[in-house]
């Protein structure tokens, strides 16, 4: 049977990213995302919110970029895959967790506040993380004015 493992998440960092070096010498950046889901409770008429927290790790040049440019509260769009970590504690208990190994991380614009403290009316275009070692398909595509100019 074929399998497919792809995750796309958008959220805000819950802490500053942590950069470390793996035993192989590769750079690894770890951070956690908070992903909010809001809905209107029909019975009470109040807005409800549930937050999902997800651990993410990024490797190589992208890891260095994330560590340099991201900070707690910053919004990102992450594309990657789920991976299961399993280990045994010193007390002999088996533990496991799911996390996302990011293939690409796109930095979202920071919300600039108006003088009255409100968020801007229109969102700004997203700035993407420089991914020097990412495949060409992972690079953002600019908008095209004339659809006849598309190569496909």
C-alpha atoms as a PDB file:
ATOM      1  CA  UNK A   1       0.000   0.000   0.000  1.00  0.00           C
ATOM      2  CA  UNK A   2       1.264   3.467  -0.832  1.00  0.00           C
ATOM      3  CA  UNK A   3       1.725   6.047   1.899  1.00  0.00           C
ATOM      4  CA  UNK A   4       1.738   9.819   2.068  1.00  0.00           C
ATOM      5  CA  UNK A   5       3.136  12.023   4.830  1.00  0.00           C
ATOM      6  CA  UNK A   6       2.695  15.780   4.317  1.00  0.00           C
ATOM      7  CA  UNK A   7       1.896  18.478   6.849  1.00  0.00           C
ATOM      8  CA  UNK A   8       1.103  22.151   6.233  1.00  0.00           C
ATOM      9  CA  UNK A   9       0.722  24.338   9.323  1.00  0.00           C
ATOM     10  CA  UNK A  10       0.433  28.051   9.983  1.00  0.00           C
ATOM     11  CA  UNK A  11       0.844  29.450  13.462  1.00  0.00           C
ATOM     12  CA  UNK A  12       2.932  31.542  15.837  1.00  0.00           C
ATOM     13  CA  UNK A  13       6.128  30.558  17.616  1.00  0.00           C
ATOM     14  CA  UNK A  14       5.572  29.900  21.321  1.00  0.00           C
ATOM     15  CA  UNK A  15       9.254  30.446  22.176  1.00  0.00           C
ATOM     16  CA  UNK A  16      12.461  31.633  20.564  1.00  0.00           C
ATOM     17  CA  UNK A  17      14.013  29.049  18.241  1.00  0.00           C
ATOM     18  CA  UNK A  18      16.924  26.991  19.574  1.00  0.00           C
ATOM     19  CA  UNK A  19      19.813  26.214  17.223  1.00  0.00           C
ATOM     20  CA  UNK A  20      22.063  23.228  17.901  1.00  0.00           C
ATOM     21  CA  UNK A  21      24.538  21.081  16.024  1.00  0.00           C
ATOM     22  CA  UNK A  22      23.811  17.385  15.474  1.00  0.00           C
ATOM     23  CA  UNK A  23      26.602  14.817  15.944  1.00  0.00           C
ATOM     24  CA  UNK A  24      26.922  14.703  12.139  1.00  0.00           C
ATOM     25  CA  UNK A  25      27.746  18.429  12.113  1.00  0.00           C
ATOM     26  CA  UNK A  26      24.389  19.459  10.595  1.00  0.00           C
ATOM     27  CA  UNK A  27      22.574  22.453  12.093  1.00  0.00           C
ATOM     28  CA  UNK A  28      19.157  21.790  13.632  1.00  0.00           C
ATOM     29  CA  UNK A  29      16.688  24.438  14.791  1.00  0.00           C
ATOM     30  CA  UNK A  30      13.832  23.500  17.134  1.00  0.00           C
ATOM     31  CA  UNK A  31      10.754  25.614  17.827  1.00  0.00           C
ATOM     32  CA  UNK A  32       7.135  25.162  18.806  1.00  0.00           C
ATOM     33  CA  UNK A  33       4.029  26.521  17.063  1.00  0.00           C
ATOM     34  CA  UNK A  34       0.680  27.491  18.515  1.00  0.00           C
ATOM     35  CA  UNK A  35      -2.129  26.915  16.020  1.00  0.00           C
ATOM     36  CA  UNK A  36      -5.478  28.407  16.983  1.00  0.00           C
ATOM     37  CA  UNK A  37      -8.910  27.278  15.864  1.00  0.00           C
ATOM     38  CA  UNK A  38     -11.836  29.632  16.525  1.00  0.00           C
ATOM     39  CA  UNK A  39     -15.545  28.952  16.169  1.00  0.00           C
ATOM     40  CA  UNK A  40     -18.862  30.344  17.316  1.00  0.00           C
ATOM     41  CA  UNK A  41     -20.637  28.264  19.970  1.00  0.00           C
ATOM     42  CA  UNK A  42     -24.255  28.247  18.768  1.00  0.00           C
ATOM     43  CA  UNK A  43     -25.673  27.455  22.201  1.00  0.00           C
ATOM     44  CA  UNK A  44     -24.037  30.406  24.000  1.00  0.00           C
ATOM     45  CA  UNK A  45     -23.250  32.735  21.090  1.00  0.00           C
ATOM     46  CA  UNK A  46     -19.672  33.094  22.339  1.00  0.00           C
ATOM     47  CA  UNK A  47     -16.514  32.647  20.335  1.00  0.00           C
ATOM     48  CA  UNK A  48     -14.522  29.592  21.414  1.00  0.00           C
ATOM     49  CA  UNK A  49     -10.856  28.872  20.813  1.00  0.00           C
ATOM     50  CA  UNK A  50      -8.772  25.704  20.916  1.00  0.00           C
ATOM     51  CA  UNK A  51      -4.999  25.890  20.590  1.00  0.00           C
ATOM     52  CA  UNK A  52      -2.864  23.035  19.279  1.00  0.00           C
ATOM     53  CA  UNK A  53       0.865  23.101  20.093  1.00  0.00           C
ATOM     54  CA  UNK A  54       3.241  21.435  17.650  1.00  0.00           C
ATOM     55  CA  UNK A  55       7.007  20.900  17.904  1.00  0.00           C
ATOM     56  CA  UNK A  56       8.948  21.563  14.694  1.00  0.00           C
ATOM     57  CA  UNK A  57      12.552  20.984  13.678  1.00  0.00           C
ATOM     58  CA  UNK A  58      14.362  22.385  10.664  1.00  0.00           C
ATOM     59  CA  UNK A  59      17.747  21.289   9.307  1.00  0.00           C
ATOM     60  CA  UNK A  60      20.824  22.759   7.582  1.00  0.00           C
ATOM     61  CA  UNK A  61      20.773  26.265   6.061  1.00  0.00           C
ATOM     62  CA  UNK A  62      17.058  26.696   6.743  1.00  0.00           C
ATOM     63  CA  UNK A  63      17.774  25.986  10.433  1.00  0.00           C
ATOM     64  CA  UNK A  64      20.329  28.789  10.535  1.00  0.00           C
ATOM     65  CA  UNK A  65      17.882  31.194   8.858  1.00  0.00           C
ATOM     66  CA  UNK A  66      15.101  30.329  11.293  1.00  0.00           C
ATOM     67  CA  UNK A  67      17.394  30.799  14.296  1.00  0.00           C
ATOM     68  CA  UNK A  68      18.575  34.156  12.956  1.00  0.00           C
ATOM     69  CA  UNK A  69      15.283  35.701  11.844  1.00  0.00           C
ATOM     70  CA  UNK A  70      12.515  34.138  13.955  1.00  0.00           C
ATOM     71  CA  UNK A  71      11.471  34.959  17.512  1.00  0.00           C
ATOM     72  CA  UNK A  72       8.645  34.158  19.899  1.00  0.00           C
ATOM     73  CA  UNK A  73       5.299  35.351  18.534  1.00  0.00           C
ATOM     74  CA  UNK A  74       6.395  35.434  14.887  1.00  0.00           C
ATOM     75  CA  UNK A  75       4.059  33.809  12.378  1.00  0.00           C
ATOM     76  CA  UNK A  76       5.269  31.090  10.011  1.00  0.00           C
ATOM     77  CA  UNK A  77       3.899  28.687   7.455  1.00  0.00           C
ATOM     78  CA  UNK A  78       5.580  25.278   7.713  1.00  0.00           C
ATOM     79  CA  UNK A  79       5.528  22.474   5.158  1.00  0.00           C
ATOM     80  CA  UNK A  80       7.001  19.153   6.129  1.00  0.00           C
ATOM     81  CA  UNK A  81       6.253  15.672   7.392  1.00  0.00           C
ATOM     82  CA  UNK A  82       5.375  13.988  10.659  1.00  0.00           C
ATOM     83  CA  UNK A  83       8.000  11.983  12.437  1.00  0.00           C
ATOM     84  CA  UNK A  84       7.704   9.851  15.563  1.00  0.00           C
ATOM     85  CA  UNK A  85      10.349  10.155  18.271  1.00  0.00           C
ATOM     86  CA  UNK A  86      10.596   7.257  20.741  1.00  0.00           C
ATOM     87  CA  UNK A  87      12.863   6.925  23.768  1.00  0.00           C
ATOM     88  CA  UNK A  88      13.140   5.289  27.175  1.00  0.00           C
ATOM     89  CA  UNK A  89      13.522   7.414  30.300  1.00  0.00           C
ATOM     90  CA  UNK A  90      16.091   6.699  33.013  1.00  0.00           C
ATOM     91  CA  UNK A  91      13.264   5.104  34.994  1.00  0.00           C
ATOM     92  CA  UNK A  92      12.622   2.636  32.142  1.00  0.00           C
ATOM     93  CA  UNK A  93       9.371   4.237  30.920  1.00  0.00           C
ATOM     94  CA  UNK A  94       8.789   4.260  27.162  1.00  0.00           C
ATOM     95  CA  UNK A  95       7.912   7.688  25.753  1.00  0.00           C
ATOM     96  CA  UNK A  96       6.994   8.938  22.294  1.00  0.00           C
ATOM     97  CA  UNK A  97       5.910  12.121  20.587  1.00  0.00           C
ATOM     98  CA  UNK A  98       4.999  13.345  17.138  1.00  0.00           C
ATOM     99  CA  UNK A  99       6.721  16.369  15.678  1.00  0.00           C
ATOM    100  CA  UNK A 100       7.075  17.989  12.275  1.00  0.00           C
ATOM    101  CA  UNK A 101      10.317  17.861  10.333  1.00  0.00           C
ATOM    102  CA  UNK A 102      10.046  20.972   8.183  1.00  0.00           C
ATOM    103  CA  UNK A 103      11.062  20.943   4.546  1.00  0.00           C
ATOM    104  CA  UNK A 104      10.238  24.642   4.081  1.00  0.00           C
ATOM    105  CA  UNK A 105       9.472  27.496   6.458  1.00  0.00           C
ATOM    106  CA  UNK A 106       7.895  30.668   5.131  1.00  0.00           C
ATOM    107  CA  UNK A 107       8.150  33.726   7.372  1.00  0.00           C
ATOM    108  CA  UNK A 108       4.850  35.603   7.619  1.00  0.00           C
ATOM    109  CA  UNK A 109       4.782  39.388   7.853  1.00  0.00           C
ATOM    110  CA  UNK A 110       4.898  40.868  11.291  1.00  0.00           C
ATOM    111  CA  UNK A 111       1.657  42.702  12.043  1.00  0.00           C
ATOM    112  CA  UNK A 112       2.437  46.378  12.193  1.00  0.00           C
ATOM    113  CA  UNK A 113       0.131  48.185  14.589  1.00  0.00           C
ATOM    114  CA  UNK A 114      -1.581  51.437  13.780  1.00  0.00           C
ATOM    115  CA  UNK A 115      -1.363  54.353  16.183  1.00  0.00           C
ATOM    116  CA  UNK A 116      -4.666  53.303  17.779  1.00  0.00           C
ATOM    117  CA  UNK A 117      -3.235  49.809  18.474  1.00  0.00           C
ATOM    118  CA  UNK A 118      -5.361  47.984  15.912  1.00  0.00           C
ATOM    119  CA  UNK A 119      -3.958  45.566  13.376  1.00  0.00           C
ATOM    120  CA  UNK A 120      -3.612  46.755   9.771  1.00  0.00           C
ATOM    121  CA  UNK A 121      -6.725  46.444   7.615  1.00  0.00           C
ATOM    122  CA  UNK A 122      -5.079  44.553   4.750  1.00  0.00           C
ATOM    123  CA  UNK A 123      -2.495  41.817   5.189  1.00  0.00           C
ATOM    124  CA  UNK A 124       0.965  42.429   3.791  1.00  0.00           C
ATOM    125  CA  UNK A 125       2.454  39.934   1.338  1.00  0.00           C
ATOM    126  CA  UNK A 126       4.428  37.182   3.018  1.00  0.00           C
ATOM    127  CA  UNK A 127       8.217  37.233   3.025  1.00  0.00           C
ATOM    128  CA  UNK A 128       9.765  33.840   2.534  1.00  0.00           C
ATOM    129  CA  UNK A 129      12.705  32.402   4.386  1.00  0.00           C
ATOM    130  CA  UNK A 130      15.858  32.274   2.310  1.00  0.00           C
ATOM    131  CA  UNK A 131      16.346  28.582   1.587  1.00  0.00           C
ATOM    132  CA  UNK A 132      19.738  28.307  -0.073  1.00  0.00           C
ATOM    133  CA  UNK A 133      19.782  24.506  -0.085  1.00  0.00           C
ATOM    134  CA  UNK A 134      16.068  24.006  -0.752  1.00  0.00           C
ATOM    135  CA  UNK A 135      14.899  22.556  -4.062  1.00  0.00           C
ATOM    136  CA  UNK A 136      13.657  25.035  -6.643  1.00  0.00           C
ATOM    137  CA  UNK A 137      10.073  23.867  -6.131  1.00  0.00           C
ATOM    138  CA  UNK A 138      10.284  24.989  -2.492  1.00  0.00           C
ATOM    139  CA  UNK A 139      11.029  28.583  -3.505  1.00  0.00           C
ATOM    140  CA  UNK A 140       8.034  30.956  -3.526  1.00  0.00           C
ATOM    141  CA  UNK A 141       6.502  31.745  -6.894  1.00  0.00           C
ATOM    142  CA  UNK A 142       5.926  35.401  -7.719  1.00  0.00           C
ATOM    143  CA  UNK A 143       2.602  36.558  -9.067  1.00  0.00           C
ATOM    144  CA  UNK A 144       2.128  36.462 -12.818  1.00  0.00           C
ATOM    145  CA  UNK A 145       0.220  39.255 -14.546  1.00  0.00           C
ATOM    146  CA  UNK A 146      -0.404  37.393 -17.807  1.00  0.00           C
ATOM    147  CA  UNK A 147      -1.511  33.756 -17.491  1.00  0.00           C
ATOM    148  CA  UNK A 148      -0.423  33.162 -21.137  1.00  0.00           C
ATOM    149  CA  UNK A 149       3.199  33.610 -19.992  1.00  0.00           C
ATOM    150  CA  UNK A 150       3.039  30.504 -17.792  1.00  0.00           C
ATOM    151  CA  UNK A 151       5.308  27.668 -18.991  1.00  0.00           C
ATOM    152  CA  UNK A 152       2.606  25.003 -18.580  1.00  0.00           C
END
